[in-house]
Amino acid sequence: MDNIKFTPQDILHKQFKEKSIGKGYDVDDVDSFLDDVIKDYDTFNKEVTRLQDENDRLKAKVDELNRQVEVGSSISSRSAASQPVSSAATNMDILKRLSNLERRVFGSQLGNDENDSHLL
């Protein structure tokens, strides 16, 4: 946008030099001004096209990321459905380990009864 020479207000309020002969405008002055306006419009058009392309690219990226999120959430929901089974198995393993640890640590204090109903 550094190449832009005129704002809409500059164009609106442009005053052309009058020639000393009559009330006409200097043709070279008008042509020069219009050449600069055309350059600005070309620059604006290129910038608009670039921004539209970037916008399209970013929208495509957002769509791709949304698809990845959907796939990830469907995978995690499937694994969450199977989680209670594995969670129950993990809890059972923890209880067994805890029971074995209690037997080793407190076994002598428990009196080593024949009734080991608390053991898993």
PDB file of N, CA and C in Angstrom:
ATOM      1  N   MET A   1       0.814  -1.187   0.000  1.00  0.00           N
ATOM      2  CA  MET A   1       0.000   0.000   0.000  1.00  0.00           C
ATOM      3  C   MET A   1       0.868   1.267   0.000  1.00  0.00           C
ATOM      4  N   ASP A   2       2.183   1.114   0.058  1.00  0.00           N
ATOM      5  CA  ASP A   2       3.075   2.276   0.052  1.00  0.00           C
ATOM      6  C   ASP A   2       3.113   2.966  -1.307  1.00  0.00           C
ATOM      7  N   ASN A   3       2.705   2.259  -2.360  1.00  0.00           N
ATOM      8  CA  ASN A   3       2.753   2.824  -3.708  1.00  0.00           C
ATOM      9  C   ASN A   3       1.544   3.686  -4.033  1.00  0.00           C
ATOM     10  N   ILE A   4       0.583   3.789  -3.138  1.00  0.00           N
ATOM     11  CA  ILE A   4      -0.636   4.550  -3.380  1.00  0.00           C
ATOM     12  C   ILE A   4      -0.333   6.041  -3.218  1.00  0.00           C
ATOM     13  N   LYS A   5      -0.681   6.818  -4.248  1.00  0.00           N
ATOM     14  CA  LYS A   5      -0.385   8.248  -4.211  1.00  0.00           C
ATOM     15  C   LYS A   5      -1.577   9.096  -3.788  1.00  0.00           C
ATOM     16  N   PHE A   6      -2.790   8.621  -4.056  1.00  0.00           N
ATOM     17  CA  PHE A   6      -3.963   9.456  -3.824  1.00  0.00           C
ATOM     18  C   PHE A   6      -4.987   8.758  -2.943  1.00  0.00           C
ATOM     19  N   THR A   7      -5.593   9.552  -2.079  1.00  0.00           N
ATOM     20  CA  THR A   7      -6.748   9.082  -1.328  1.00  0.00           C
ATOM     21  C   THR A   7      -7.987   9.485  -2.114  1.00  0.00           C
ATOM     22  N   PRO A   8      -9.148   8.919  -1.792  1.00  0.00           N
ATOM     23  CA  PRO A   8     -10.369   9.358  -2.483  1.00  0.00           C
ATOM     24  C   PRO A   8     -10.600  10.862  -2.350  1.00  0.00           C
ATOM     25  N   GLN A   9     -10.213  11.439  -1.223  1.00  0.00           N
ATOM     26  CA  GLN A   9     -10.371  12.886  -1.038  1.00  0.00           C
ATOM     27  C   GLN A   9      -9.435  13.669  -1.969  1.00  0.00           C
ATOM     28  N   ASP A  10      -8.207  13.150  -2.181  1.00  0.00           N
ATOM     29  CA  ASP A  10      -7.279  13.802  -3.103  1.00  0.00           C
ATOM     30  C   ASP A  10      -7.875  13.867  -4.505  1.00  0.00           C
ATOM     31  N   ILE A  11      -8.463  12.792  -4.934  1.00  0.00           N
ATOM     32  CA  ILE A  11      -9.059  12.747  -6.272  1.00  0.00           C
ATOM     33  C   ILE A  11     -10.256  13.685  -6.343  1.00  0.00           C
ATOM     34  N   LEU A  12     -11.073  13.658  -5.316  1.00  0.00           N
ATOM     35  CA  LEU A  12     -12.271  14.477  -5.306  1.00  0.00           C
ATOM     36  C   LEU A  12     -11.947  15.969  -5.351  1.00  0.00           C
ATOM     37  N   HIS A  13     -10.920  16.391  -4.664  1.00  0.00           N
ATOM     38  CA  HIS A  13     -10.607  17.818  -4.544  1.00  0.00           C
ATOM     39  C   HIS A  13      -9.485  18.288  -5.470  1.00  0.00           C
ATOM     40  N   LYS A  14      -9.087  17.464  -6.431  1.00  0.00           N
ATOM     41  CA  LYS A  14      -8.013  17.839  -7.351  1.00  0.00           C
ATOM     42  C   LYS A  14      -8.429  19.063  -8.171  1.00  0.00           C
ATOM     43  N   GLN A  15      -7.551  20.075  -8.183  1.00  0.00           N
ATOM     44  CA  GLN A  15      -7.756  21.276  -8.995  1.00  0.00           C
ATOM     45  C   GLN A  15      -6.689  21.292 -10.089  1.00  0.00           C
ATOM     46  N   PHE A  16      -7.115  21.307 -11.332  1.00  0.00           N
ATOM     47  CA  PHE A  16      -6.180  21.339 -12.447  1.00  0.00           C
ATOM     48  C   PHE A  16      -5.804  22.783 -12.782  1.00  0.00           C
ATOM     49  N   LYS A  17      -4.599  22.945 -13.312  1.00  0.00           N
ATOM     50  CA  LYS A  17      -4.124  24.274 -13.702  1.00  0.00           C
ATOM     51  C   LYS A  17      -4.866  24.726 -14.956  1.00  0.00           C
ATOM     52  N   GLU A  18      -5.196  25.970 -14.994  1.00  0.00           N
ATOM     53  CA  GLU A  18      -5.835  26.532 -16.189  1.00  0.00           C
ATOM     54  C   GLU A  18      -4.772  27.089 -17.113  1.00  0.00           C
ATOM     55  N   LYS A  19      -5.014  26.952 -18.396  1.00  0.00           N
ATOM     56  CA  LYS A  19      -4.108  27.538 -19.365  1.00  0.00           C
ATOM     57  C   LYS A  19      -4.392  29.024 -19.480  1.00  0.00           C
ATOM     58  N   SER A  20      -3.426  29.726 -19.907  1.00  0.00           N
ATOM     59  CA  SER A  20      -3.611  31.165 -20.059  1.00  0.00           C
ATOM     60  C   SER A  20      -4.544  31.498 -21.231  1.00  0.00           C
ATOM     61  N   ILE A  21      -4.750  30.556 -22.102  1.00  0.00           N
ATOM     62  CA  ILE A  21      -5.649  30.785 -23.232  1.00  0.00           C
ATOM     63  C   ILE A  21      -6.995  30.156 -22.894  1.00  0.00           C
ATOM     64  N   GLY A  22      -7.962  30.911 -22.521  1.00  0.00           N
ATOM     65  CA  GLY A  22      -9.303  30.416 -22.270  1.00  0.00           C
ATOM     66  C   GLY A  22      -9.446  29.739 -20.927  1.00  0.00           C
ATOM     67  N   LYS A  23     -10.545  28.955 -20.814  1.00  0.00           N
ATOM     68  CA  LYS A  23     -10.874  28.305 -19.542  1.00  0.00           C
ATOM     69  C   LYS A  23     -10.654  26.802 -19.596  1.00  0.00           C
ATOM     70  N   GLY A  24      -9.802  26.322 -20.434  1.00  0.00           N
ATOM     71  CA  GLY A  24      -9.547  24.878 -20.510  1.00  0.00           C
ATOM     72  C   GLY A  24      -8.493  24.440 -19.504  1.00  0.00           C
ATOM     73  N   TYR A  25      -8.343  23.109 -19.332  1.00  0.00           N
ATOM     74  CA  TYR A  25      -7.328  22.554 -18.437  1.00  0.00           C
ATOM     75  C   TYR A  25      -6.102  22.171 -19.240  1.00  0.00           C
ATOM     76  N   ASP A  26      -4.990  22.167 -18.574  1.00  0.00           N
ATOM     77  CA  ASP A  26      -3.748  21.719 -19.206  1.00  0.00           C
ATOM     78  C   ASP A  26      -3.856  20.212 -19.438  1.00  0.00           C
ATOM     79  N   VAL A  27      -3.832  19.822 -20.693  1.00  0.00           N
ATOM     80  CA  VAL A  27      -4.026  18.425 -21.072  1.00  0.00           C
ATOM     81  C   VAL A  27      -2.942  17.546 -20.460  1.00  0.00           C
ATOM     82  N   ASP A  28      -1.725  17.990 -20.455  1.00  0.00           N
ATOM     83  CA  ASP A  28      -0.630  17.198 -19.885  1.00  0.00           C
ATOM     84  C   ASP A  28      -0.814  17.004 -18.382  1.00  0.00           C
ATOM     85  N   ASP A  29      -1.304  18.039 -17.681  1.00  0.00           N
ATOM     86  CA  ASP A  29      -1.549  17.957 -16.240  1.00  0.00           C
ATOM     87  C   ASP A  29      -2.649  16.926 -15.947  1.00  0.00           C
ATOM     88  N   VAL A  30      -3.720  16.988 -16.736  1.00  0.00           N
ATOM     89  CA  VAL A  30      -4.829  16.036 -16.550  1.00  0.00           C
ATOM     90  C   VAL A  30      -4.367  14.621 -16.875  1.00  0.00           C
ATOM     91  N   ASP A  31      -3.645  14.452 -17.962  1.00  0.00           N
ATOM     92  CA  ASP A  31      -3.155  13.118 -18.349  1.00  0.00           C
ATOM     93  C   ASP A  31      -2.216  12.544 -17.291  1.00  0.00           C
ATOM     94  N   SER A  32      -1.340  13.390 -16.761  1.00  0.00           N
ATOM     95  CA  SER A  32      -0.409  12.940 -15.723  1.00  0.00           C
ATOM     96  C   SER A  32      -1.171  12.487 -14.472  1.00  0.00           C
ATOM     97  N   PHE A  33      -2.159  13.287 -14.100  1.00  0.00           N
ATOM     98  CA  PHE A  33      -2.960  12.929 -12.925  1.00  0.00           C
ATOM     99  C   PHE A  33      -3.703  11.616 -13.153  1.00  0.00           C
ATOM    100  N   LEU A  34      -4.325  11.470 -14.311  1.00  0.00           N
ATOM    101  CA  LEU A  34      -5.070  10.246 -14.600  1.00  0.00           C
ATOM    102  C   LEU A  34      -4.144   9.029 -14.694  1.00  0.00           C
ATOM    103  N   ASP A  35      -2.935   9.217 -15.181  1.00  0.00           N
ATOM    104  CA  ASP A  35      -1.965   8.119 -15.195  1.00  0.00           C
ATOM    105  C   ASP A  35      -1.659   7.643 -13.781  1.00  0.00           C
ATOM    106  N   ASP A  36      -1.484   8.598 -12.861  1.00  0.00           N
ATOM    107  CA  ASP A  36      -1.220   8.242 -11.459  1.00  0.00           C
ATOM    108  C   ASP A  36      -2.433   7.552 -10.827  1.00  0.00           C
ATOM    109  N   VAL A  37      -3.647   8.015 -11.167  1.00  0.00           N
ATOM    110  CA  VAL A  37      -4.862   7.378 -10.643  1.00  0.00           C
ATOM    111  C   VAL A  37      -4.958   5.945 -11.154  1.00  0.00           C
ATOM    112  N   ILE A  38      -4.653   5.738 -12.414  1.00  0.00           N
ATOM    113  CA  ILE A  38      -4.705   4.389 -12.994  1.00  0.00           C
ATOM    114  C   ILE A  38      -3.699   3.475 -12.291  1.00  0.00           C
ATOM    115  N   LYS A  39      -2.497   3.980 -12.024  1.00  0.00           N
ATOM    116  CA  LYS A  39      -1.489   3.188 -11.303  1.00  0.00           C
ATOM    117  C   LYS A  39      -2.006   2.800  -9.920  1.00  0.00           C
ATOM    118  N   ASP A  40      -2.641   3.775  -9.235  1.00  0.00           N
ATOM    119  CA  ASP A  40      -3.198   3.472  -7.912  1.00  0.00           C
ATOM    120  C   ASP A  40      -4.269   2.391  -8.002  1.00  0.00           C
ATOM    121  N   TYR A  41      -5.139   2.490  -8.976  1.00  0.00           N
ATOM    122  CA  TYR A  41      -6.190   1.485  -9.111  1.00  0.00           C
ATOM    123  C   TYR A  41      -5.597   0.116  -9.426  1.00  0.00           C
ATOM    124  N   ASP A  42      -4.549   0.087 -10.248  1.00  0.00           N
ATOM    125  CA  ASP A  42      -3.882  -1.192 -10.515  1.00  0.00           C
ATOM    126  C   ASP A  42      -3.300  -1.773  -9.231  1.00  0.00           C
ATOM    127  N   THR A  43      -2.690  -0.904  -8.419  1.00  0.00           N
ATOM    128  CA  THR A  43      -2.125  -1.355  -7.144  1.00  0.00           C
ATOM    129  C   THR A  43      -3.228  -1.868  -6.221  1.00  0.00           C
ATOM    130  N   PHE A  44      -4.336  -1.138  -6.157  1.00  0.00           N
ATOM    131  CA  PHE A  44      -5.466  -1.588  -5.329  1.00  0.00           C
ATOM    132  C   PHE A  44      -6.007  -2.931  -5.815  1.00  0.00           C
ATOM    133  N   ASN A  45      -6.145  -3.076  -7.119  1.00  0.00           N
ATOM    134  CA  ASN A  45      -6.661  -4.333  -7.667  1.00  0.00           C
ATOM    135  C   ASN A  45      -5.740  -5.503  -7.352  1.00  0.00           C
ATOM    136  N   LYS A  46      -4.434  -5.278  -7.464  1.00  0.00           N
ATOM    137  CA  LYS A  46      -3.482  -6.344  -7.127  1.00  0.00           C
ATOM    138  C   LYS A  46      -3.581  -6.704  -5.640  1.00  0.00           C
ATOM    139  N   GLU A  47      -3.702  -5.695  -4.798  1.00  0.00           N
ATOM    140  CA  GLU A  47      -3.808  -5.942  -3.356  1.00  0.00           C
ATOM    141  C   GLU A  47      -5.114  -6.676  -3.029  1.00  0.00           C
ATOM    142  N   VAL A  48      -6.196  -6.285  -3.662  1.00  0.00           N
ATOM    143  CA  VAL A  48      -7.476  -6.962  -3.433  1.00  0.00           C
ATOM    144  C   VAL A  48      -7.381  -8.425  -3.874  1.00  0.00           C
ATOM    145  N   THR A  49      -6.779  -8.664  -5.020  1.00  0.00           N
ATOM    146  CA  THR A  49      -6.615 -10.036  -5.516  1.00  0.00           C
ATOM    147  C   THR A  49      -5.744 -10.852  -4.564  1.00  0.00           C
ATOM    148  N   ARG A  50      -4.648 -10.255  -4.089  1.00  0.00           N
ATOM    149  CA  ARG A  50      -3.772 -10.960  -3.153  1.00  0.00           C
ATOM    150  C   ARG A  50      -4.511 -11.312  -1.864  1.00  0.00           C
ATOM    151  N   LEU A  51      -5.283 -10.355  -1.347  1.00  0.00           N
ATOM    152  CA  LEU A  51      -6.025 -10.599  -0.110  1.00  0.00           C
ATOM    153  C   LEU A  51      -7.128 -11.636  -0.308  1.00  0.00           C
ATOM    154  N   GLN A  52      -7.765 -11.629  -1.461  1.00  0.00           N
ATOM    155  CA  GLN A  52      -8.783 -12.645  -1.739  1.00  0.00           C
ATOM    156  C   GLN A  52      -8.153 -14.027  -1.809  1.00  0.00           C
ATOM    157  N   ASP A  53      -6.987 -14.129  -2.454  1.00  0.00           N
ATOM    158  CA  ASP A  53      -6.283 -15.417  -2.518  1.00  0.00           C
ATOM    159  C   ASP A  53      -5.870 -15.886  -1.131  1.00  0.00           C
ATOM    160  N   GLU A  54      -5.370 -14.958  -0.327  1.00  0.00           N
ATOM    161  CA  GLU A  54      -4.980 -15.319   1.044  1.00  0.00           C
ATOM    162  C   GLU A  54      -6.200 -15.744   1.855  1.00  0.00           C
ATOM    163  N   ASN A  55      -7.308 -15.042   1.672  1.00  0.00           N
ATOM    164  CA  ASN A  55      -8.543 -15.384   2.375  1.00  0.00           C
ATOM    165  C   ASN A  55      -9.011 -16.785   1.973  1.00  0.00           C
ATOM    166  N   ASP A  56      -8.978 -17.093   0.681  1.00  0.00           N
ATOM    167  CA  ASP A  56      -9.359 -18.428   0.218  1.00  0.00           C
ATOM    168  C   ASP A  56      -8.440 -19.500   0.801  1.00  0.00           C
ATOM    169  N   ARG A  57      -7.133 -19.208   0.824  1.00  0.00           N
ATOM    170  CA  ARG A  57      -6.169 -20.164   1.382  1.00  0.00           C
ATOM    171  C   ARG A  57      -6.445 -20.405   2.868  1.00  0.00           C
ATOM    172  N   LEU A  58      -6.717 -19.329   3.608  1.00  0.00           N
ATOM    173  CA  LEU A  58      -6.981 -19.464   5.041  1.00  0.00           C
ATOM    174  C   LEU A  58      -8.295 -20.191   5.308  1.00  0.00           C
ATOM    175  N   LYS A  59      -9.307 -19.942   4.482  1.00  0.00           N
ATOM    176  CA  LYS A  59     -10.571 -20.676   4.637  1.00  0.00           C
ATOM    177  C   LYS A  59     -10.360 -22.163   4.402  1.00  0.00           C
ATOM    178  N   ALA A  60      -9.566 -22.505   3.389  1.00  0.00           N
ATOM    179  CA  ALA A  60      -9.277 -23.913   3.125  1.00  0.00           C
ATOM    180  C   ALA A  60      -8.530 -24.538   4.304  1.00  0.00           C
ATOM    181  N   LYS A  61      -7.606 -23.789   4.896  1.00  0.00           N
ATOM    182  CA  LYS A  61      -6.860 -24.285   6.059  1.00  0.00           C
ATOM    183  C   LYS A  61      -7.795 -24.500   7.247  1.00  0.00           C
ATOM    184  N   VAL A  62      -8.719 -23.570   7.469  1.00  0.00           N
ATOM    185  CA  VAL A  62      -9.694 -23.705   8.558  1.00  0.00           C
ATOM    186  C   VAL A  62     -10.556 -24.945   8.333  1.00  0.00           C
ATOM    187  N   ASP A  63     -11.010 -25.152   7.095  1.00  0.00           N
ATOM    188  CA  ASP A  63     -11.809 -26.343   6.790  1.00  0.00           C
ATOM    189  C   ASP A  63     -11.022 -27.618   7.073  1.00  0.00           C
ATOM    190  N   GLU A  64      -9.748 -27.633   6.676  1.00  0.00           N
ATOM    191  CA  GLU A  64      -8.906 -28.811   6.917  1.00  0.00           C
ATOM    192  C   GLU A  64      -8.720 -29.050   8.413  1.00  0.00           C
ATOM    193  N   LEU A  65      -8.469 -27.999   9.163  1.00  0.00           N
ATOM    194  CA  LEU A  65      -8.296 -28.144  10.611  1.00  0.00           C
ATOM    195  C   LEU A  65      -9.593 -28.599  11.281  1.00  0.00           C
ATOM    196  N   ASN A  66     -10.733 -28.089  10.812  1.00  0.00           N
ATOM    197  CA  ASN A  66     -12.022 -28.531  11.358  1.00  0.00           C
ATOM    198  C   ASN A  66     -12.238 -30.020  11.087  1.00  0.00           C
ATOM    199  N   ARG A  67     -11.853 -30.478   9.895  1.00  0.00           N
ATOM    200  CA  ARG A  67     -11.971 -31.919   9.599  1.00  0.00           C
ATOM    201  C   ARG A  67     -11.080 -32.732  10.521  1.00  0.00           C
ATOM    202  N   GLN A  68      -9.862 -32.237  10.770  1.00  0.00           N
ATOM    203  CA  GLN A  68      -8.954 -32.950  11.672  1.00  0.00           C
ATOM    204  C   GLN A  68      -9.519 -33.008  13.081  1.00  0.00           C
ATOM    205  N   VAL A  69     -10.135 -31.926  13.525  1.00  0.00           N
ATOM    206  CA  VAL A  69     -10.740 -31.908  14.857  1.00  0.00           C
ATOM    207  C   VAL A  69     -11.890 -32.908  14.925  1.00  0.00           C
ATOM    208  N   GLU A  70     -12.710 -32.953  13.866  1.00  0.00           N
ATOM    209  CA  GLU A  70     -13.821 -33.906  13.840  1.00  0.00           C
ATOM    210  C   GLU A  70     -13.316 -35.336  13.888  1.00  0.00           C
ATOM    211  N   VAL A  71     -12.257 -35.638  13.131  1.00  0.00           N
ATOM    212  CA  VAL A  71     -11.686 -36.982  13.145  1.00  0.00           C
ATOM    213  C   VAL A  71     -11.115 -37.298  14.518  1.00  0.00           C
ATOM    214  N   GLY A  72     -10.419 -36.321  15.094  1.00  0.00           N
ATOM    215  CA  GLY A  72      -9.842 -36.530  16.430  1.00  0.00           C
ATOM    216  C   GLY A  72     -10.903 -36.734  17.485  1.00  0.00           C
ATOM    217  N   SER A  73     -11.995 -35.993  17.403  1.00  0.00           N
ATOM    218  CA  SER A  73     -13.042 -36.146  18.405  1.00  0.00           C
ATOM    219  C   SER A  73     -13.794 -37.459  18.214  1.00  0.00           C
ATOM    220  N   SER A  74     -13.937 -37.917  16.971  1.00  0.00           N
ATOM    221  CA  SER A  74     -14.605 -39.202  16.776  1.00  0.00           C
ATOM    222  C   SER A  74     -13.729 -40.345  17.271  1.00  0.00           C
ATOM    223  N   ILE A  75     -12.418 -40.215  17.113  1.00  0.00           N
ATOM    224  CA  ILE A  75     -11.509 -41.248  17.626  1.00  0.00           C
ATOM    225  C   ILE A  75     -11.525 -41.237  19.151  1.00  0.00           C
ATOM    226  N   SER A  76     -11.497 -40.059  19.747  1.00  0.00           N
ATOM    227  CA  SER A  76     -11.488 -39.998  21.214  1.00  0.00           C
ATOM    228  C   SER A  76     -12.823 -40.448  21.794  1.00  0.00           C
ATOM    229  N   SER A  77     -13.929 -40.214  21.070  1.00  0.00           N
ATOM    230  CA  SER A  77     -15.214 -40.684  21.585  1.00  0.00           C
ATOM    231  C   SER A  77     -15.291 -42.201  21.510  1.00  0.00           C
ATOM    232  N   ARG A  78     -14.687 -42.778  20.464  1.00  0.00           N
ATOM    233  CA  ARG A  78     -14.654 -44.249  20.389  1.00  0.00           C
ATOM    234  C   ARG A  78     -13.778 -44.823  21.493  1.00  0.00           C
ATOM    235  N   SER A  79     -12.646 -44.179  21.766  1.00  0.00           N
ATOM    236  CA  SER A  79     -11.784 -44.688  22.832  1.00  0.00           C
ATOM    237  C   SER A  79     -12.412 -44.432  24.201  1.00  0.00           C
ATOM    238  N   ALA A  80     -13.195 -43.374  24.324  1.00  0.00           N
ATOM    239  CA  ALA A  80     -13.880 -43.103  25.587  1.00  0.00           C
ATOM    240  C   ALA A  80     -14.950 -44.144  25.851  1.00  0.00           C
ATOM    241  N   ALA A  81     -15.568 -44.658  24.794  1.00  0.00           N
ATOM    242  CA  ALA A  81     -16.579 -45.704  24.966  1.00  0.00           C
ATOM    243  C   ALA A  81     -15.937 -46.985  25.480  1.00  0.00           C
ATOM    244  N   SER A  82     -14.693 -47.246  25.070  1.00  0.00           N
ATOM    245  CA  SER A  82     -14.016 -48.436  25.555  1.00  0.00           C
ATOM    246  C   SER A  82     -13.270 -48.176  26.857  1.00  0.00           C
ATOM    247  N   GLN A  83     -13.193 -46.955  27.285  1.00  0.00           N
ATOM    248  CA  GLN A  83     -12.457 -46.584  28.486  1.00  0.00           C
ATOM    249  C   GLN A  83     -12.966 -47.258  29.752  1.00  0.00           C
ATOM    250  N   PRO A  84     -14.277 -47.368  30.006  1.00  0.00           N
ATOM    251  CA  PRO A  84     -14.694 -47.997  31.251  1.00  0.00           C
ATOM    252  C   PRO A  84     -14.158 -49.406  31.438  1.00  0.00           C
ATOM    253  N   VAL A  85     -14.061 -50.174  30.372  1.00  0.00           N
ATOM    254  CA  VAL A  85     -13.539 -51.534  30.480  1.00  0.00           C
ATOM    255  C   VAL A  85     -12.077 -51.500  30.876  1.00  0.00           C
ATOM    256  N   SER A  86     -11.284 -50.696  30.172  1.00  0.00           N
ATOM    257  CA  SER A  86      -9.863 -50.636  30.500  1.00  0.00           C
ATOM    258  C   SER A  86      -9.655 -49.952  31.848  1.00  0.00           C
ATOM    259  N   SER A  87     -10.507 -48.997  32.191  1.00  0.00           N
ATOM    260  CA  SER A  87     -10.415 -48.336  33.482  1.00  0.00           C
ATOM    261  C   SER A  87     -10.710 -49.323  34.610  1.00  0.00           C
ATOM    262  N   ALA A  88     -11.708 -50.173  34.395  1.00  0.00           N
ATOM    263  CA  ALA A  88     -12.041 -51.173  35.416  1.00  0.00           C
ATOM    264  C   ALA A  88     -10.899 -52.167  35.580  1.00  0.00           C
ATOM    265  N   ALA A  89     -10.297 -52.567  34.464  1.00  0.00           N
ATOM    266  CA  ALA A  89      -9.165 -53.489  34.542  1.00  0.00           C
ATOM    267  C   ALA A  89      -7.990 -52.824  35.248  1.00  0.00           C
ATOM    268  N   THR A  90      -7.756 -51.562  34.967  1.00  0.00           N
ATOM    269  CA  THR A  90      -6.671 -50.842  35.616  1.00  0.00           C
ATOM    270  C   THR A  90      -6.945 -50.697  37.098  1.00  0.00           C
ATOM    271  N   ASN A  91      -8.175 -50.422  37.475  1.00  0.00           N
ATOM    272  CA  ASN A  91      -8.527 -50.323  38.891  1.00  0.00           C
ATOM    273  C   ASN A  91      -8.328 -51.655  39.597  1.00  0.00           C
ATOM    274  N   MET A  92      -8.677 -52.743  38.937  1.00  0.00           N
ATOM    275  CA  MET A  92      -8.492 -54.068  39.530  1.00  0.00           C
ATOM    276  C   MET A  92      -7.013 -54.360  39.727  1.00  0.00           C
ATOM    277  N   ASP A  93      -6.177 -53.995  38.751  1.00  0.00           N
ATOM    278  CA  ASP A  93      -4.734 -54.191  38.888  1.00  0.00           C
ATOM    279  C   ASP A  93      -4.186 -53.383  40.059  1.00  0.00           C
ATOM    280  N   ILE A  94      -4.651 -52.164  40.199  1.00  0.00           N
ATOM    281  CA  ILE A  94      -4.197 -51.318  41.305  1.00  0.00           C
ATOM    282  C   ILE A  94      -4.606 -51.927  42.639  1.00  0.00           C
ATOM    283  N   LEU A  95      -5.831 -52.433  42.728  1.00  0.00           N
ATOM    284  CA  LEU A  95      -6.291 -53.056  43.977  1.00  0.00           C
ATOM    285  C   LEU A  95      -5.471 -54.298  44.309  1.00  0.00           C
ATOM    286  N   LYS A  96      -5.148 -55.102  43.301  1.00  0.00           N
ATOM    287  CA  LYS A  96      -4.317 -56.289  43.534  1.00  0.00           C
ATOM    288  C   LYS A  96      -2.940 -55.898  44.044  1.00  0.00           C
ATOM    289  N   ARG A  97      -2.332 -54.905  43.418  1.00  0.00           N
ATOM    290  CA  ARG A  97      -1.009 -54.456  43.845  1.00  0.00           C
ATOM    291  C   ARG A  97      -1.055 -53.905  45.266  1.00  0.00           C
ATOM    292  N   LEU A  98      -2.089 -53.146  45.567  1.00  0.00           N
ATOM    293  CA  LEU A  98      -2.244 -52.589  46.898  1.00  0.00           C
ATOM    294  C   LEU A  98      -2.413 -53.705  47.935  1.00  0.00           C
ATOM    295  N   SER A  99      -3.192 -54.709  47.602  1.00  0.00           N
ATOM    296  CA  SER A  99      -3.400 -55.828  48.513  1.00  0.00           C
ATOM    297  C   SER A  99      -2.095 -56.575  48.762  1.00  0.00           C
ATOM    298  N   ASN A 100      -1.339 -56.827  47.697  1.00  0.00           N
ATOM    299  CA  ASN A 100      -0.054 -57.513  47.847  1.00  0.00           C
ATOM    300  C   ASN A 100       0.913 -56.687  48.693  1.00  0.00           C
ATOM    301  N   LEU A 101       0.906 -55.374  48.486  1.00  0.00           N
ATOM    302  CA  LEU A 101       1.771 -54.500  49.272  1.00  0.00           C
ATOM    303  C   LEU A 101       1.367 -54.521  50.742  1.00  0.00           C
ATOM    304  N   GLU A 102       0.054 -54.486  51.015  1.00  0.00           N
ATOM    305  CA  GLU A 102      -0.422 -54.534  52.401  1.00  0.00           C
ATOM    306  C   GLU A 102      -0.017 -55.858  53.052  1.00  0.00           C
ATOM    307  N   ARG A 103      -0.106 -56.956  52.310  1.00  0.00           N
ATOM    308  CA  ARG A 103       0.283 -58.258  52.866  1.00  0.00           C
ATOM    309  C   ARG A 103       1.746 -58.276  53.252  1.00  0.00           C
ATOM    310  N   ARG A 104       2.594 -57.677  52.382  1.00  0.00           N
ATOM    311  CA  ARG A 104       4.022 -57.685  52.672  1.00  0.00           C
ATOM    312  C   ARG A 104       4.351 -56.779  53.861  1.00  0.00           C
ATOM    313  N   VAL A 105       3.736 -55.587  53.872  1.00  0.00           N
ATOM    314  CA  VAL A 105       4.072 -54.632  54.921  1.00  0.00           C
ATOM    315  C   VAL A 105       3.405 -55.001  56.237  1.00  0.00           C
ATOM    316  N   PHE A 106       2.126 -55.311  56.187  1.00  0.00           N
ATOM    317  CA  PHE A 106       1.383 -55.541  57.420  1.00  0.00           C
ATOM    318  C   PHE A 106       1.121 -57.008  57.707  1.00  0.00           C
ATOM    319  N   GLY A 107       1.646 -57.896  56.906  1.00  0.00           N
ATOM    320  CA  GLY A 107       1.374 -59.329  57.068  1.00  0.00           C
ATOM    321  C   GLY A 107       1.730 -59.845  58.447  1.00  0.00           C
ATOM    322  N   SER A 108       2.865 -59.450  58.951  1.00  0.00           N
ATOM    323  CA  SER A 108       3.280 -59.929  60.272  1.00  0.00           C
ATOM    324  C   SER A 108       2.407 -59.320  61.361  1.00  0.00           C
ATOM    325  N   GLN A 109       1.891 -58.142  61.145  1.00  0.00           N
ATOM    326  CA  GLN A 109       1.057 -57.497  62.151  1.00  0.00           C
ATOM    327  C   GLN A 109      -0.368 -58.039  62.122  1.00  0.00           C
ATOM    328  N   LEU A 110      -0.772 -58.596  61.007  1.00  0.00           N
ATOM    329  CA  LEU A 110      -2.124 -59.111  60.897  1.00  0.00           C
ATOM    330  C   LEU A 110      -2.252 -60.458  61.602  1.00  0.00           C
ATOM    331  N   GLY A 111      -1.152 -61.035  62.017  1.00  0.00           N
ATOM    332  CA  GLY A 111      -1.204 -62.280  62.767  1.00  0.00           C
ATOM    333  C   GLY A 111      -1.162 -63.493  61.859  1.00  0.00           C
ATOM    334  N   ASN A 112      -1.014 -63.303  60.575  1.00  0.00           N
ATOM    335  CA  ASN A 112      -0.925 -64.399  59.617  1.00  0.00           C
ATOM    336  C   ASN A 112      -2.031 -65.405  59.815  1.00  0.00           C
ATOM    337  N   ASP A 113      -3.250 -64.921  59.982  1.00  0.00           N
ATOM    338  CA  ASP A 113      -4.401 -65.801  60.149  1.00  0.00           C
ATOM    339  C   ASP A 113      -4.573 -66.668  58.914  1.00  0.00           C
ATOM    340  N   GLU A 114      -5.145 -67.826  59.130  1.00  0.00           N
ATOM    341  CA  GLU A 114      -5.471 -68.720  58.020  1.00  0.00           C
ATOM    342  C   GLU A 114      -6.572 -68.134  57.171  1.00  0.00           C
ATOM    343  N   ASN A 115      -7.374 -67.257  57.775  1.00  0.00           N
ATOM    344  CA  ASN A 115      -8.485 -66.632  57.072  1.00  0.00           C
ATOM    345  C   ASN A 115      -7.953 -65.433  56.316  1.00  0.00           C
ATOM    346  N   ASP A 116      -7.617 -65.621  55.054  1.00  0.00           N
ATOM    347  CA  ASP A 116      -7.075 -64.530  54.232  1.00  0.00           C
ATOM    348  C   ASP A 116      -8.139 -64.022  53.273  1.00  0.00           C
ATOM    349  N   SER A 117      -9.315 -63.733  53.799  1.00  0.00           N
ATOM    350  CA  SER A 117     -10.414 -63.283  52.945  1.00  0.00           C
ATOM    351  C   SER A 117     -10.154 -61.911  52.356  1.00  0.00           C
ATOM    352  N   HIS A 118      -9.249 -61.161  52.972  1.00  0.00           N
ATOM    353  CA  HIS A 118      -8.981 -59.830  52.473  1.00  0.00           C
ATOM    354  C   HIS A 118      -8.017 -59.853  51.275  1.00  0.00           C
ATOM    355  N   LEU A 119      -7.440 -61.012  50.974  1.00  0.00           N
ATOM    356  CA  LEU A 119      -6.492 -61.108  49.868  1.00  0.00           C
ATOM    357  C   LEU A 119      -7.249 -61.294  48.556  1.00  0.00           C
ATOM    358  N   LEU A 120      -6.699 -60.718  47.524  1.00  0.00           N
ATOM    359  CA  LEU A 120      -7.315 -60.859  46.188  1.00  0.00           C
ATOM    360  C   LEU A 120      -6.662 -61.945  45.401  1.00  0.00           C
TER     361      LEU A 120
END
